[in-house]
Amino acid sequence: MKPEVMVELLENAAEQLGIKVSYEPLQTNGINTGLRGGLCRVKGTYRIIIDKRATTEECITTLATAIASFDTSELEMSQKLRDLLRTHEGSGPRRAARPAA
């Protein structure tokens, strides 16, 4: 599967979970931390913020790591996408419940 398609599928999964995805210029203060975004909660709403300069692979990693911390068992998605999320389980923040719609 093409990486661009994988990003689109991950963005769709986030949307199904009620998670807003945005691409923004992230400040690094001249330090290359390797971070290209992640999951946060703003006013009770989950968001995945990704550095707009991130590569496609970095976008996939950021999205998959964030989404893998949620219960995706009831989402319709391909086995390939489920496998990707499984590889990222435990690599992000603590496991979160499915957000309220």
PDB file of N, CA and C in Angstrom:
ATOM      1  N   MET A   1       0.850  -1.172   0.000  1.00  0.00           N
ATOM      2  CA  MET A   1       0.000   0.000   0.000  1.00  0.00           C
ATOM      3  C   MET A   1       0.896   1.236   0.000  1.00  0.00           C
ATOM      4  N   LYS A   2       0.530   2.225  -0.809  1.00  0.00           N
ATOM      5  CA  LYS A   2       1.320   3.449  -0.885  1.00  0.00           C
ATOM      6  C   LYS A   2       1.245   4.214   0.433  1.00  0.00           C
ATOM      7  N   PRO A   3       2.357   4.812   0.842  1.00  0.00           N
ATOM      8  CA  PRO A   3       2.375   5.556   2.109  1.00  0.00           C
ATOM      9  C   PRO A   3       1.311   6.655   2.174  1.00  0.00           C
ATOM     10  N   GLU A   4       1.077   7.347   1.065  1.00  0.00           N
ATOM     11  CA  GLU A   4       0.080   8.425   1.050  1.00  0.00           C
ATOM     12  C   GLU A   4      -1.315   7.877   1.331  1.00  0.00           C
ATOM     13  N   VAL A   5      -1.600   6.679   0.829  1.00  0.00           N
ATOM     14  CA  VAL A   5      -2.888   6.033   1.077  1.00  0.00           C
ATOM     15  C   VAL A   5      -2.993   5.645   2.551  1.00  0.00           C
ATOM     16  N   MET A   6      -1.893   5.168   3.118  1.00  0.00           N
ATOM     17  CA  MET A   6      -1.875   4.791   4.528  1.00  0.00           C
ATOM     18  C   MET A   6      -2.159   6.015   5.408  1.00  0.00           C
ATOM     19  N   VAL A   7      -1.578   7.173   5.067  1.00  0.00           N
ATOM     20  CA  VAL A   7      -1.843   8.402   5.825  1.00  0.00           C
ATOM     21  C   VAL A   7      -3.333   8.725   5.765  1.00  0.00           C
ATOM     22  N   GLU A   8      -3.914   8.628   4.585  1.00  0.00           N
ATOM     23  CA  GLU A   8      -5.339   8.925   4.418  1.00  0.00           C
ATOM     24  C   GLU A   8      -6.207   7.972   5.247  1.00  0.00           C
ATOM     25  N   LEU A   9      -5.861   6.688   5.240  1.00  0.00           N
ATOM     26  CA  LEU A   9      -6.615   5.712   6.027  1.00  0.00           C
ATOM     27  C   LEU A   9      -6.492   5.980   7.527  1.00  0.00           C
ATOM     28  N   LEU A  10      -5.307   6.351   7.962  1.00  0.00           N
ATOM     29  CA  LEU A  10      -5.100   6.689   9.375  1.00  0.00           C
ATOM     30  C   LEU A  10      -5.867   7.952   9.751  1.00  0.00           C
ATOM     31  N   GLU A  11      -5.870   8.943   8.884  1.00  0.00           N
ATOM     32  CA  GLU A  11      -6.644  10.163   9.142  1.00  0.00           C
ATOM     33  C   GLU A  11      -8.132   9.835   9.251  1.00  0.00           C
ATOM     34  N   ASN A  12      -8.616   8.931   8.389  1.00  0.00           N
ATOM     35  CA  ASN A  12     -10.021   8.510   8.442  1.00  0.00           C
ATOM     36  C   ASN A  12     -10.327   7.778   9.747  1.00  0.00           C
ATOM     37  N   ALA A  13      -9.416   6.931  10.202  1.00  0.00           N
ATOM     38  CA  ALA A  13      -9.605   6.220  11.465  1.00  0.00           C
ATOM     39  C   ALA A  13      -9.674   7.215  12.618  1.00  0.00           C
ATOM     40  N   ALA A  14      -8.803   8.220  12.595  1.00  0.00           N
ATOM     41  CA  ALA A  14      -8.825   9.253  13.635  1.00  0.00           C
ATOM     42  C   ALA A  14     -10.169   9.972  13.625  1.00  0.00           C
ATOM     43  N   GLU A  15     -10.651  10.290  12.451  1.00  0.00           N
ATOM     44  CA  GLU A  15     -11.942  10.975  12.333  1.00  0.00           C
ATOM     45  C   GLU A  15     -13.070  10.119  12.906  1.00  0.00           C
ATOM     46  N   GLN A  16     -13.044   8.816  12.615  1.00  0.00           N
ATOM     47  CA  GLN A  16     -14.056   7.907  13.158  1.00  0.00           C
ATOM     48  C   GLN A  16     -14.019   7.870  14.680  1.00  0.00           C
ATOM     49  N   LEU A  17     -12.833   8.086  15.246  1.00  0.00           N
ATOM     50  CA  LEU A  17     -12.677   8.108  16.699  1.00  0.00           C
ATOM     51  C   LEU A  17     -12.998   9.481  17.298  1.00  0.00           C
ATOM     52  N   GLY A  18     -13.288  10.451  16.443  1.00  0.00           N
ATOM     53  CA  GLY A  18     -13.578  11.793  16.931  1.00  0.00           C
ATOM     54  C   GLY A  18     -12.338  12.587  17.272  1.00  0.00           C
ATOM     55  N   ILE A  19     -11.210  12.212  16.676  1.00  0.00           N
ATOM     56  CA  ILE A  19      -9.938  12.888  16.924  1.00  0.00           C
ATOM     57  C   ILE A  19      -9.642  13.810  15.752  1.00  0.00           C
ATOM     58  N   LYS A  20      -9.410  15.069  16.051  1.00  0.00           N
ATOM     59  CA  LYS A  20      -9.076  16.037  15.011  1.00  0.00           C
ATOM     60  C   LYS A  20      -7.596  15.910  14.660  1.00  0.00           C
ATOM     61  N   VAL A  21      -7.283  15.890  13.382  1.00  0.00           N
ATOM     62  CA  VAL A  21      -5.895  15.843  12.920  1.00  0.00           C
ATOM     63  C   VAL A  21      -5.571  17.176  12.263  1.00  0.00           C
ATOM     64  N   SER A  22      -4.462  17.785  12.669  1.00  0.00           N
ATOM     65  CA  SER A  22      -4.046  19.034  12.040  1.00  0.00           C
ATOM     66  C   SER A  22      -2.548  19.008  11.772  1.00  0.00           C
ATOM     67  N   TYR A  23      -2.178  19.714  10.727  1.00  0.00           N
ATOM     68  CA  TYR A  23      -0.775  19.842  10.332  1.00  0.00           C
ATOM     69  C   TYR A  23      -0.375  21.292  10.548  1.00  0.00           C
ATOM     70  N   GLU A  24       0.594  21.506  11.438  1.00  0.00           N
ATOM     71  CA  GLU A  24       0.991  22.848  11.822  1.00  0.00           C
ATOM     72  C   GLU A  24       2.511  22.935  11.901  1.00  0.00           C
ATOM     73  N   PRO A  25       3.065  24.142  11.722  1.00  0.00           N
ATOM     74  CA  PRO A  25       4.511  24.286  11.904  1.00  0.00           C
ATOM     75  C   PRO A  25       4.842  24.225  13.391  1.00  0.00           C
ATOM     76  N   LEU A  26       5.589  23.226  13.793  1.00  0.00           N
ATOM     77  CA  LEU A  26       5.945  23.069  15.199  1.00  0.00           C
ATOM     78  C   LEU A  26       7.303  23.693  15.459  1.00  0.00           C
ATOM     79  N   GLN A  27       7.404  24.422  16.546  1.00  0.00           N
ATOM     80  CA  GLN A  27       8.657  25.063  16.935  1.00  0.00           C
ATOM     81  C   GLN A  27       9.543  24.048  17.641  1.00  0.00           C
ATOM     82  N   THR A  28      10.803  24.018  17.273  1.00  0.00           N
ATOM     83  CA  THR A  28      11.744  23.114  17.927  1.00  0.00           C
ATOM     84  C   THR A  28      12.836  23.878  18.664  1.00  0.00           C
ATOM     85  N   ASN A  29      12.807  25.215  18.624  1.00  0.00           N
ATOM     86  CA  ASN A  29      13.821  26.043  19.283  1.00  0.00           C
ATOM     87  C   ASN A  29      15.238  25.650  18.887  1.00  0.00           C
ATOM     88  N   GLY A  30      15.378  25.254  17.625  1.00  0.00           N
ATOM     89  CA  GLY A  30      16.694  24.910  17.119  1.00  0.00           C
ATOM     90  C   GLY A  30      17.196  23.547  17.544  1.00  0.00           C
ATOM     91  N   ILE A  31      16.398  22.820  18.302  1.00  0.00           N
ATOM     92  CA  ILE A  31      16.804  21.500  18.778  1.00  0.00           C
ATOM     93  C   ILE A  31      16.091  20.450  17.940  1.00  0.00           C
ATOM     94  N   ASN A  32      16.851  19.518  17.386  1.00  0.00           N
ATOM     95  CA  ASN A  32      16.249  18.446  16.613  1.00  0.00           C
ATOM     96  C   ASN A  32      15.941  17.288  17.556  1.00  0.00           C
ATOM     97  N   THR A  33      14.712  17.258  18.061  1.00  0.00           N
ATOM     98  CA  THR A  33      14.320  16.231  19.018  1.00  0.00           C
ATOM     99  C   THR A  33      13.814  14.969  18.342  1.00  0.00           C
ATOM    100  N   GLY A  34      13.583  15.047  17.035  1.00  0.00           N
ATOM    101  CA  GLY A  34      13.024  13.904  16.335  1.00  0.00           C
ATOM    102  C   GLY A  34      11.508  13.849  16.440  1.00  0.00           C
ATOM    103  N   LEU A  35      10.922  14.697  17.273  1.00  0.00           N
ATOM    104  CA  LEU A  35       9.472  14.739  17.408  1.00  0.00           C
ATOM    105  C   LEU A  35       8.859  15.466  16.227  1.00  0.00           C
ATOM    106  N   ARG A  36       7.837  14.874  15.694  1.00  0.00           N
ATOM    107  CA  ARG A  36       7.130  15.494  14.583  1.00  0.00           C
ATOM    108  C   ARG A  36       5.654  15.639  14.889  1.00  0.00           C
ATOM    109  N   GLY A  37       5.314  15.640  16.188  1.00  0.00           N
ATOM    110  CA  GLY A  37       3.928  15.817  16.595  1.00  0.00           C
ATOM    111  C   GLY A  37       3.496  14.720  17.528  1.00  0.00           C
ATOM    112  N   GLY A  38       2.184  14.688  17.784  1.00  0.00           N
ATOM    113  CA  GLY A  38       1.659  13.664  18.658  1.00  0.00           C
ATOM    114  C   GLY A  38       0.248  13.965  19.104  1.00  0.00           C
ATOM    115  N   LEU A  39      -0.215  13.162  20.044  1.00  0.00           N
ATOM    116  CA  LEU A  39      -1.566  13.253  20.581  1.00  0.00           C
ATOM    117  C   LEU A  39      -1.606  14.209  21.759  1.00  0.00           C
ATOM    118  N   CYS A  40      -2.639  15.039  21.797  1.00  0.00           N
ATOM    119  CA  CYS A  40      -2.852  15.899  22.949  1.00  0.00           C
ATOM    120  C   CYS A  40      -4.354  16.066  23.152  1.00  0.00           C
ATOM    121  N   ARG A  41      -4.693  16.684  24.251  1.00  0.00           N
ATOM    122  CA  ARG A  41      -6.100  16.928  24.551  1.00  0.00           C
ATOM    123  C   ARG A  41      -6.264  18.418  24.794  1.00  0.00           C
ATOM    124  N   VAL A  42      -7.129  19.055  24.008  1.00  0.00           N
ATOM    125  CA  VAL A  42      -7.368  20.480  24.104  1.00  0.00           C
ATOM    126  C   VAL A  42      -8.839  20.696  24.433  1.00  0.00           C
ATOM    127  N   LYS A  43      -9.101  21.288  25.588  1.00  0.00           N
ATOM    128  CA  LYS A  43     -10.473  21.555  26.040  1.00  0.00           C
ATOM    129  C   LYS A  43     -11.342  20.310  25.952  1.00  0.00           C
ATOM    130  N   GLY A  44     -10.786  19.175  26.379  1.00  0.00           N
ATOM    131  CA  GLY A  44     -11.537  17.923  26.415  1.00  0.00           C
ATOM    132  C   GLY A  44     -11.622  17.179  25.096  1.00  0.00           C
ATOM    133  N   THR A  45     -11.048  17.731  24.051  1.00  0.00           N
ATOM    134  CA  THR A  45     -11.092  17.098  22.729  1.00  0.00           C
ATOM    135  C   THR A  45      -9.702  16.600  22.350  1.00  0.00           C
ATOM    136  N   TYR A  46      -9.629  15.349  21.913  1.00  0.00           N
ATOM    137  CA  TYR A  46      -8.346  14.798  21.475  1.00  0.00           C
ATOM    138  C   TYR A  46      -7.967  15.379  20.118  1.00  0.00           C
ATOM    139  N   ARG A  47      -6.665  15.643  19.986  1.00  0.00           N
ATOM    140  CA  ARG A  47      -6.113  16.132  18.713  1.00  0.00           C
ATOM    141  C   ARG A  47      -4.791  15.432  18.452  1.00  0.00           C
ATOM    142  N   ILE A  48      -4.537  15.194  17.185  1.00  0.00           N
ATOM    143  CA  ILE A  48      -3.220  14.746  16.750  1.00  0.00           C
ATOM    144  C   ILE A  48      -2.652  15.907  15.951  1.00  0.00           C
ATOM    145  N   ILE A  49      -1.570  16.473  16.453  1.00  0.00           N
ATOM    146  CA  ILE A  49      -0.926  17.588  15.766  1.00  0.00           C
ATOM    147  C   ILE A  49       0.364  17.064  15.162  1.00  0.00           C
ATOM    148  N   ILE A  50       0.527  17.320  13.871  1.00  0.00           N
ATOM    149  CA  ILE A  50       1.696  16.822  13.133  1.00  0.00           C
ATOM    150  C   ILE A  50       2.416  18.015  12.518  1.00  0.00           C
ATOM    151  N   ASP A  51       3.725  18.001  12.627  1.00  0.00           N
ATOM    152  CA  ASP A  51       4.540  19.046  12.003  1.00  0.00           C
ATOM    153  C   ASP A  51       4.298  19.014  10.499  1.00  0.00           C
ATOM    154  N   LYS A  52       3.946  20.161   9.939  1.00  0.00           N
ATOM    155  CA  LYS A  52       3.638  20.187   8.503  1.00  0.00           C
ATOM    156  C   LYS A  52       4.872  19.903   7.639  1.00  0.00           C
ATOM    157  N   ARG A  53       6.056  19.906   8.243  1.00  0.00           N
ATOM    158  CA  ARG A  53       7.281  19.575   7.506  1.00  0.00           C
ATOM    159  C   ARG A  53       7.652  18.100   7.639  1.00  0.00           C
ATOM    160  N   ALA A  54       6.835  17.341   8.356  1.00  0.00           N
ATOM    161  CA  ALA A  54       7.128  15.919   8.573  1.00  0.00           C
ATOM    162  C   ALA A  54       7.044  15.151   7.253  1.00  0.00           C
ATOM    163  N   THR A  55       7.878  14.131   7.146  1.00  0.00           N
ATOM    164  CA  THR A  55       7.819  13.260   5.974  1.00  0.00           C
ATOM    165  C   THR A  55       6.568  12.385   6.062  1.00  0.00           C
ATOM    166  N   THR A  56       6.233  11.744   4.972  1.00  0.00           N
ATOM    167  CA  THR A  56       5.083  10.846   4.958  1.00  0.00           C
ATOM    168  C   THR A  56       5.265   9.737   5.988  1.00  0.00           C
ATOM    169  N   GLU A  57       6.459   9.187   6.093  1.00  0.00           N
ATOM    170  CA  GLU A  57       6.722   8.122   7.066  1.00  0.00           C
ATOM    171  C   GLU A  57       6.572   8.633   8.501  1.00  0.00           C
ATOM    172  N   GLU A  58       7.027   9.857   8.756  1.00  0.00           N
ATOM    173  CA  GLU A  58       6.866  10.440  10.091  1.00  0.00           C
ATOM    174  C   GLU A  58       5.390  10.670  10.406  1.00  0.00           C
ATOM    175  N   CYS A  59       4.609  11.068   9.400  1.00  0.00           N
ATOM    176  CA  CYS A  59       3.166  11.235   9.578  1.00  0.00           C
ATOM    177  C   CYS A  59       2.517   9.905   9.933  1.00  0.00           C
ATOM    178  N   ILE A  60       2.899   8.851   9.237  1.00  0.00           N
ATOM    179  CA  ILE A  60       2.355   7.520   9.508  1.00  0.00           C
ATOM    180  C   ILE A  60       2.677   7.104  10.939  1.00  0.00           C
ATOM    181  N   THR A  61       3.918   7.283  11.346  1.00  0.00           N
ATOM    182  CA  THR A  61       4.327   6.904  12.694  1.00  0.00           C
ATOM    183  C   THR A  61       3.576   7.700  13.747  1.00  0.00           C
ATOM    184  N   THR A  62       3.459   9.007  13.552  1.00  0.00           N
ATOM    185  CA  THR A  62       2.767   9.856  14.521  1.00  0.00           C
ATOM    186  C   THR A  62       1.294   9.475  14.622  1.00  0.00           C
ATOM    187  N   LEU A  63       0.630   9.310  13.479  1.00  0.00           N
ATOM    188  CA  LEU A  63      -0.781   8.945  13.472  1.00  0.00           C
ATOM    189  C   LEU A  63      -1.000   7.568  14.089  1.00  0.00           C
ATOM    190  N   ALA A  64      -0.210   6.593  13.661  1.00  0.00           N
ATOM    191  CA  ALA A  64      -0.386   5.220  14.150  1.00  0.00           C
ATOM    192  C   ALA A  64      -0.122   5.121  15.646  1.00  0.00           C
ATOM    193  N   THR A  65       0.898   5.805  16.130  1.00  0.00           N
ATOM    194  CA  THR A  65       1.212   5.772  17.556  1.00  0.00           C
ATOM    195  C   THR A  65       0.063   6.360  18.368  1.00  0.00           C
ATOM    196  N   ALA A  66      -0.488   7.468  17.904  1.00  0.00           N
ATOM    197  CA  ALA A  66      -1.594   8.105  18.622  1.00  0.00           C
ATOM    198  C   ALA A  66      -2.858   7.245  18.571  1.00  0.00           C
ATOM    199  N   ILE A  67      -3.216   6.755  17.403  1.00  0.00           N
ATOM    200  CA  ILE A  67      -4.451   5.983  17.237  1.00  0.00           C
ATOM    201  C   ILE A  67      -4.373   4.654  17.972  1.00  0.00           C
ATOM    202  N   ALA A  68      -3.178   4.068  18.032  1.00  0.00           N
ATOM    203  CA  ALA A  68      -3.005   2.772  18.691  1.00  0.00           C
ATOM    204  C   ALA A  68      -3.304   2.837  20.190  1.00  0.00           C
ATOM    205  N   SER A  69      -3.349   4.031  20.757  1.00  0.00           N
ATOM    206  CA  SER A  69      -3.644   4.158  22.179  1.00  0.00           C
ATOM    207  C   SER A  69      -5.150   4.168  22.463  1.00  0.00           C
ATOM    208  N   PHE A  70      -5.962   4.030  21.411  1.00  0.00           N
ATOM    209  CA  PHE A  70      -7.415   4.008  21.553  1.00  0.00           C
ATOM    210  C   PHE A  70      -7.962   2.629  21.198  1.00  0.00           C
ATOM    211  N   ASP A  71      -9.178   2.376  21.627  1.00  0.00           N
ATOM    212  CA  ASP A  71      -9.871   1.138  21.279  1.00  0.00           C
ATOM    213  C   ASP A  71     -10.423   1.289  19.860  1.00  0.00           C
ATOM    214  N   THR A  72      -9.831   0.565  18.927  1.00  0.00           N
ATOM    215  CA  THR A  72     -10.258   0.646  17.523  1.00  0.00           C
ATOM    216  C   THR A  72     -11.013  -0.605  17.085  1.00  0.00           C
ATOM    217  N   SER A  73     -11.383  -1.438  18.042  1.00  0.00           N
ATOM    218  CA  SER A  73     -11.986  -2.731  17.709  1.00  0.00           C
ATOM    219  C   SER A  73     -13.284  -2.616  16.918  1.00  0.00           C
ATOM    220  N   GLU A  74     -14.005  -1.526  17.088  1.00  0.00           N
ATOM    221  CA  GLU A  74     -15.277  -1.391  16.389  1.00  0.00           C
ATOM    222  C   GLU A  74     -15.180  -0.601  15.093  1.00  0.00           C
ATOM    223  N   LEU A  75     -13.987  -0.151  14.729  1.00  0.00           N
ATOM    224  CA  LEU A  75     -13.802   0.584  13.483  1.00  0.00           C
ATOM    225  C   LEU A  75     -13.643  -0.372  12.318  1.00  0.00           C
ATOM    226  N   GLU A  76     -14.185   0.015  11.177  1.00  0.00           N
ATOM    227  CA  GLU A  76     -13.963  -0.766   9.963  1.00  0.00           C
ATOM    228  C   GLU A  76     -12.650  -0.310   9.356  1.00  0.00           C
ATOM    229  N   MET A  77     -11.715  -1.258   9.242  1.00  0.00           N
ATOM    230  CA  MET A  77     -10.422  -0.948   8.633  1.00  0.00           C
ATOM    231  C   MET A  77      -9.788  -2.228   8.118  1.00  0.00           C
ATOM    232  N   SER A  78      -8.873  -2.059   7.204  1.00  0.00           N
ATOM    233  CA  SER A  78      -8.203  -3.212   6.599  1.00  0.00           C
ATOM    234  C   SER A  78      -7.312  -3.910   7.616  1.00  0.00           C
ATOM    235  N   GLN A  79      -7.004  -5.169   7.332  1.00  0.00           N
ATOM    236  CA  GLN A  79      -6.113  -5.927   8.213  1.00  0.00           C
ATOM    237  C   GLN A  79      -4.722  -5.303   8.227  1.00  0.00           C
ATOM    238  N   LYS A  80      -4.297  -4.766   7.100  1.00  0.00           N
ATOM    239  CA  LYS A  80      -2.979  -4.128   7.030  1.00  0.00           C
ATOM    240  C   LYS A  80      -2.910  -2.934   7.986  1.00  0.00           C
ATOM    241  N   LEU A  81      -3.986  -2.154   8.049  1.00  0.00           N
ATOM    242  CA  LEU A  81      -4.018  -1.016   8.953  1.00  0.00           C
ATOM    243  C   LEU A  81      -4.049  -1.487  10.409  1.00  0.00           C
ATOM    244  N   ARG A  82      -4.823  -2.528  10.704  1.00  0.00           N
ATOM    245  CA  ARG A  82      -4.849  -3.084  12.064  1.00  0.00           C
ATOM    246  C   ARG A  82      -3.460  -3.584  12.468  1.00  0.00           C
ATOM    247  N   ASP A  83      -2.764  -4.229  11.531  1.00  0.00           N
ATOM    248  CA  ASP A  83      -1.412  -4.724  11.819  1.00  0.00           C
ATOM    249  C   ASP A  83      -0.468  -3.561  12.127  1.00  0.00           C
ATOM    250  N   LEU A  84      -0.588  -2.485  11.361  1.00  0.00           N
ATOM    251  CA  LEU A  84       0.247  -1.307  11.600  1.00  0.00           C
ATOM    252  C   LEU A  84      -0.019  -0.743  12.996  1.00  0.00           C
ATOM    253  N   LEU A  85      -1.288  -0.612  13.359  1.00  0.00           N
ATOM    254  CA  LEU A  85      -1.626  -0.089  14.680  1.00  0.00           C
ATOM    255  C   LEU A  85      -1.103  -1.009  15.784  1.00  0.00           C
ATOM    256  N   ARG A  86      -1.182  -2.308  15.553  1.00  0.00           N
ATOM    257  CA  ARG A  86      -0.693  -3.270  16.544  1.00  0.00           C
ATOM    258  C   ARG A  86       0.804  -3.088  16.782  1.00  0.00           C
ATOM    259  N   THR A  87       1.560  -2.783  15.731  1.00  0.00           N
ATOM    260  CA  THR A  87       3.008  -2.593  15.900  1.00  0.00           C
ATOM    261  C   THR A  87       3.326  -1.340  16.707  1.00  0.00           C
ATOM    262  N   HIS A  88       2.378  -0.404  16.776  1.00  0.00           N
ATOM    263  CA  HIS A  88       2.596   0.845  17.511  1.00  0.00           C
ATOM    264  C   HIS A  88       1.943   0.855  18.886  1.00  0.00           C
ATOM    265  N   GLU A  89       1.251  -0.220  19.258  1.00  0.00           N
ATOM    266  CA  GLU A  89       0.643  -0.284  20.584  1.00  0.00           C
ATOM    267  C   GLU A  89       1.720  -0.197  21.648  1.00  0.00           C
ATOM    268  N   GLY A  90       1.453   0.612  22.658  1.00  0.00           N
ATOM    269  CA  GLY A  90       2.398   0.739  23.758  1.00  0.00           C
ATOM    270  C   GLY A  90       3.541   1.686  23.496  1.00  0.00           C
ATOM    271  N   SER A  91       3.641   2.235  22.274  1.00  0.00           N
ATOM    272  CA  SER A  91       4.749   3.146  21.993  1.00  0.00           C
ATOM    273  C   SER A  91       4.353   4.603  22.208  1.00  0.00           C
ATOM    274  N   GLY A  92       3.072   4.836  22.478  1.00  0.00           N
ATOM    275  CA  GLY A  92       2.600   6.197  22.710  1.00  0.00           C
ATOM    276  C   GLY A  92       2.187   6.386  24.152  1.00  0.00           C
ATOM    277  N   PRO A  93       1.280   7.344  24.374  1.00  0.00           N
ATOM    278  CA  PRO A  93       0.794   7.595  25.735  1.00  0.00           C
ATOM    279  C   PRO A  93      -0.040   6.439  26.239  1.00  0.00           C
ATOM    280  N   ARG A  94      -0.420   6.489  27.502  1.00  0.00           N
ATOM    281  CA  ARG A  94      -1.213   5.406  28.086  1.00  0.00           C
ATOM    282  C   ARG A  94      -2.467   5.146  27.267  1.00  0.00           C
ATOM    283  N   ARG A  95      -2.954   3.943  27.368  1.00  0.00           N
ATOM    284  CA  ARG A  95      -4.135   3.515  26.605  1.00  0.00           C
ATOM    285  C   ARG A  95      -5.339   4.387  26.950  1.00  0.00           C
ATOM    286  N   ALA A  96      -6.005   4.904  25.950  1.00  0.00           N
ATOM    287  CA  ALA A  96      -7.158   5.763  26.166  1.00  0.00           C
ATOM    288  C   ALA A  96      -8.437   5.052  25.747  1.00  0.00           C
ATOM    289  N   ALA A  97      -9.487   5.418  26.395  1.00  0.00           N
ATOM    290  CA  ALA A  97     -10.791   4.889  26.007  1.00  0.00           C
ATOM    291  C   ALA A  97     -11.221   5.563  24.724  1.00  0.00           C
ATOM    292  N   ARG A  98     -12.187   4.984  24.058  1.00  0.00           N
ATOM    293  CA  ARG A  98     -12.694   5.607  22.848  1.00  0.00           C
ATOM    294  C   ARG A  98     -13.331   6.938  23.223  1.00  0.00           C
ATOM    295  N   PRO A  99     -12.956   8.036  22.530  1.00  0.00           N
ATOM    296  CA  PRO A  99     -13.500   9.334  22.881  1.00  0.00           C
ATOM    297  C   PRO A  99     -15.002   9.379  22.627  1.00  0.00           C
ATOM    298  N   ALA A 100     -15.700  10.159  23.427  1.00  0.00           N
ATOM    299  CA  ALA A 100     -17.134  10.322  23.234  1.00  0.00           C
ATOM    300  C   ALA A 100     -17.381  11.115  21.968  1.00  0.00           C
ATOM    301  N   ALA A 101     -18.386  10.710  21.217  1.00  0.00           N
ATOM    302  CA  ALA A 101     -18.680  11.389  19.945  1.00  0.00           C
ATOM    303  C   ALA A 101     -19.345  12.712  20.148  1.00  0.00           C
TER     304      ALA A 101
END
